[in-house]
Amino acid sequence: MPVNVDTISVGCIVSYRLPACQLPVDKNKLWHGRVLKTIINRPGLLDSVIVELLEEGYEKETEFILLEQIVAIGDDSLRLKPRASQTQA
C-alpha cells in the first residue's frame, strides 16, 4: 500500500522493509528509523527519505529509503520496545 507523502516529515518514525536487492536474511523484518531528510517531488530524483536507524546495534547509522519500502509512518510509539532480556535485572 502506498504511503501518504503528506504525513512524512523530518523527525517522524518510519517502519520499512529492505528491498530484495539488499539480500535481507528475513525479508519480512521491519526496520525502524527517524527521518532526517525528505526527498519528495524533486524533478529527476526518486521520492525517498534519509533515516537514522533505531535498531539495536545500528543506532546512529543512516540509510536511504525509497517511499515504496515504507509500511508505516508514526511517532515515537513505533519505536522498538526493549527486549525481555533487557528488562530483566
C-alpha atoms as a PDB file:
ATOM      1  CA  MET A   1       0.000   0.000   0.000  1.00  0.00           C
ATOM      2  CA  PRO A   2       1.494   3.386  -0.927  1.00  0.00           C
ATOM      3  CA  VAL A   3       2.260   5.792   1.887  1.00  0.00           C
ATOM      4  CA  ASN A   4       0.750   9.250   2.143  1.00  0.00           C
ATOM      5  CA  VAL A   5       3.692  11.575   1.492  1.00  0.00           C
ATOM      6  CA  ASP A   6       1.895  14.392   3.326  1.00  0.00           C
ATOM      7  CA  THR A   7       2.400  12.519   6.617  1.00  0.00           C
ATOM      8  CA  ILE A   8       6.181  12.156   6.221  1.00  0.00           C
ATOM      9  CA  SER A   9       8.208  14.892   7.871  1.00  0.00           C
ATOM     10  CA  VAL A  10      11.605  15.330   9.458  1.00  0.00           C
ATOM     11  CA  GLY A  11      11.578  13.733  12.905  1.00  0.00           C
ATOM     12  CA  CYS A  12       8.800  11.211  12.312  1.00  0.00           C
ATOM     13  CA  ILE A  13       9.452   7.479  12.730  1.00  0.00           C
ATOM     14  CA  VAL A  14       9.016   5.113   9.782  1.00  0.00           C
ATOM     15  CA  SER A  15       8.870   1.331   9.642  1.00  0.00           C
ATOM     16  CA  TYR A  16      10.175  -0.213   6.437  1.00  0.00           C
ATOM     17  CA  ARG A  17      11.393  -3.409   4.815  1.00  0.00           C
ATOM     18  CA  LEU A  18      14.669  -3.862   2.988  1.00  0.00           C
ATOM     19  CA  PRO A  19      14.375  -4.371  -0.790  1.00  0.00           C
ATOM     20  CA  ALA A  20      15.260  -7.736  -2.336  1.00  0.00           C
ATOM     21  CA  CYS A  21      18.364  -6.233  -3.968  1.00  0.00           C
ATOM     22  CA  GLN A  22      19.879  -5.787  -0.477  1.00  0.00           C
ATOM     23  CA  LEU A  23      19.511  -9.551   0.111  1.00  0.00           C
ATOM     24  CA  PRO A  24      17.833  -9.385   3.524  1.00  0.00           C
ATOM     25  CA  VAL A  25      18.128 -12.513   5.678  1.00  0.00           C
ATOM     26  CA  ASP A  26      14.494 -12.036   6.754  1.00  0.00           C
ATOM     27  CA  LYS A  27      12.533 -10.285   4.004  1.00  0.00           C
ATOM     28  CA  ASN A  28       9.617  -9.623   6.395  1.00  0.00           C
ATOM     29  CA  LYS A  29      11.685  -7.931   9.135  1.00  0.00           C
ATOM     30  CA  LEU A  30      10.572  -4.399   9.875  1.00  0.00           C
ATOM     31  CA  TRP A  31      13.312  -1.825  10.344  1.00  0.00           C
ATOM     32  CA  HIS A  32      12.696   1.490  12.104  1.00  0.00           C
ATOM     33  CA  GLY A  33      14.246   4.880  11.539  1.00  0.00           C
ATOM     34  CA  ARG A  34      13.795   8.557  12.337  1.00  0.00           C
ATOM     35  CA  VAL A  35      13.512  10.734   9.227  1.00  0.00           C
ATOM     36  CA  LEU A  36      16.438  13.150   8.876  1.00  0.00           C
ATOM     37  CA  LYS A  37      15.687  14.440   5.359  1.00  0.00           C
ATOM     38  CA  THR A  38      12.871  14.085   2.837  1.00  0.00           C
ATOM     39  CA  ILE A  39      13.495  13.990  -0.915  1.00  0.00           C
ATOM     40  CA  ILE A  40       9.966  14.235  -2.319  1.00  0.00           C
ATOM     41  CA  ASN A  41       8.609  15.726  -5.561  1.00  0.00           C
ATOM     42  CA  ARG A  42      12.010  16.786  -6.857  1.00  0.00           C
ATOM     43  CA  PRO A  43      12.380  16.509 -10.640  1.00  0.00           C
ATOM     44  CA  GLY A  44      14.805  13.782 -11.662  1.00  0.00           C
ATOM     45  CA  LEU A  45      15.015  12.196  -8.192  1.00  0.00           C
ATOM     46  CA  LEU A  46      13.229   9.212  -6.699  1.00  0.00           C
ATOM     47  CA  ASP A  47      10.871  10.001  -3.814  1.00  0.00           C
ATOM     48  CA  SER A  48      12.791   8.907  -0.737  1.00  0.00           C
ATOM     49  CA  VAL A  49      13.912   9.740   2.778  1.00  0.00           C
ATOM     50  CA  ILE A  50      17.157   9.521   4.695  1.00  0.00           C
ATOM     51  CA  VAL A  51      16.693   7.927   8.111  1.00  0.00           C
ATOM     52  CA  GLU A  52      18.748   7.437  11.241  1.00  0.00           C
ATOM     53  CA  LEU A  53      18.341   3.801  12.278  1.00  0.00           C
ATOM     54  CA  LEU A  54      16.776   2.999  15.643  1.00  0.00           C
ATOM     55  CA  GLU A  55      17.598  -0.708  15.637  1.00  0.00           C
ATOM     56  CA  GLU A  56      19.793  -2.076  18.423  1.00  0.00           C
ATOM     57  CA  GLY A  57      23.345  -2.316  17.140  1.00  0.00           C
ATOM     58  CA  TYR A  58      22.679   0.082  14.258  1.00  0.00           C
ATOM     59  CA  GLU A  59      21.987   3.266  16.234  1.00  0.00           C
ATOM     60  CA  LYS A  60      23.202   6.499  14.627  1.00  0.00           C
ATOM     61  CA  GLU A  61      23.727   4.838  11.221  1.00  0.00           C
ATOM     62  CA  THR A  62      21.871   6.373   8.283  1.00  0.00           C
ATOM     63  CA  GLU A  63      20.091   4.745   5.376  1.00  0.00           C
ATOM     64  CA  PHE A  64      18.476   5.882   2.121  1.00  0.00           C
ATOM     65  CA  ILE A  65      14.881   4.570   1.947  1.00  0.00           C
ATOM     66  CA  LEU A  66      12.539   4.671  -1.047  1.00  0.00           C
ATOM     67  CA  LEU A  67       8.942   5.531  -0.198  1.00  0.00           C
ATOM     68  CA  GLU A  68       7.808   2.164  -1.606  1.00  0.00           C
ATOM     69  CA  GLN A  69       9.749   0.428   1.212  1.00  0.00           C
ATOM     70  CA  ILE A  70       7.837   2.234   3.967  1.00  0.00           C
ATOM     71  CA  VAL A  71       4.965   0.294   5.545  1.00  0.00           C
ATOM     72  CA  ALA A  72       4.088   2.582   8.488  1.00  0.00           C
ATOM     73  CA  ILE A  73       4.569   6.208   9.480  1.00  0.00           C
ATOM     74  CA  GLY A  74       4.160   7.468  13.001  1.00  0.00           C
ATOM     75  CA  ASP A  75       5.814   8.938  16.041  1.00  0.00           C
ATOM     76  CA  ASP A  76       7.808   7.501  18.933  1.00  0.00           C
ATOM     77  CA  SER A  77       5.111   4.854  19.519  1.00  0.00           C
ATOM     78  CA  LEU A  78       6.600   2.948  16.538  1.00  0.00           C
ATOM     79  CA  ARG A  79       9.977   2.676  18.264  1.00  0.00           C
ATOM     80  CA  LEU A  80      11.137  -0.748  19.311  1.00  0.00           C
ATOM     81  CA  LYS A  81      10.148  -1.962  22.743  1.00  0.00           C
ATOM     82  CA  PRO A  82      13.003  -3.268  24.939  1.00  0.00           C
ATOM     83  CA  ARG A  83      13.687  -6.974  24.607  1.00  0.00           C
ATOM     84  CA  ALA A  84      12.678  -9.167  27.537  1.00  0.00           C
ATOM     85  CA  SER A  85      16.355  -9.809  28.282  1.00  0.00           C
ATOM     86  CA  GLN A  86      16.945  -6.045  28.641  1.00  0.00           C
ATOM     87  CA  THR A  87      14.128  -5.549  31.131  1.00  0.00           C
ATOM     88  CA  GLN A  88      15.239  -8.317  33.484  1.00  0.00           C
ATOM     89  CA  ALA A  89      17.787  -7.261  36.079  1.00  0.00           C
END
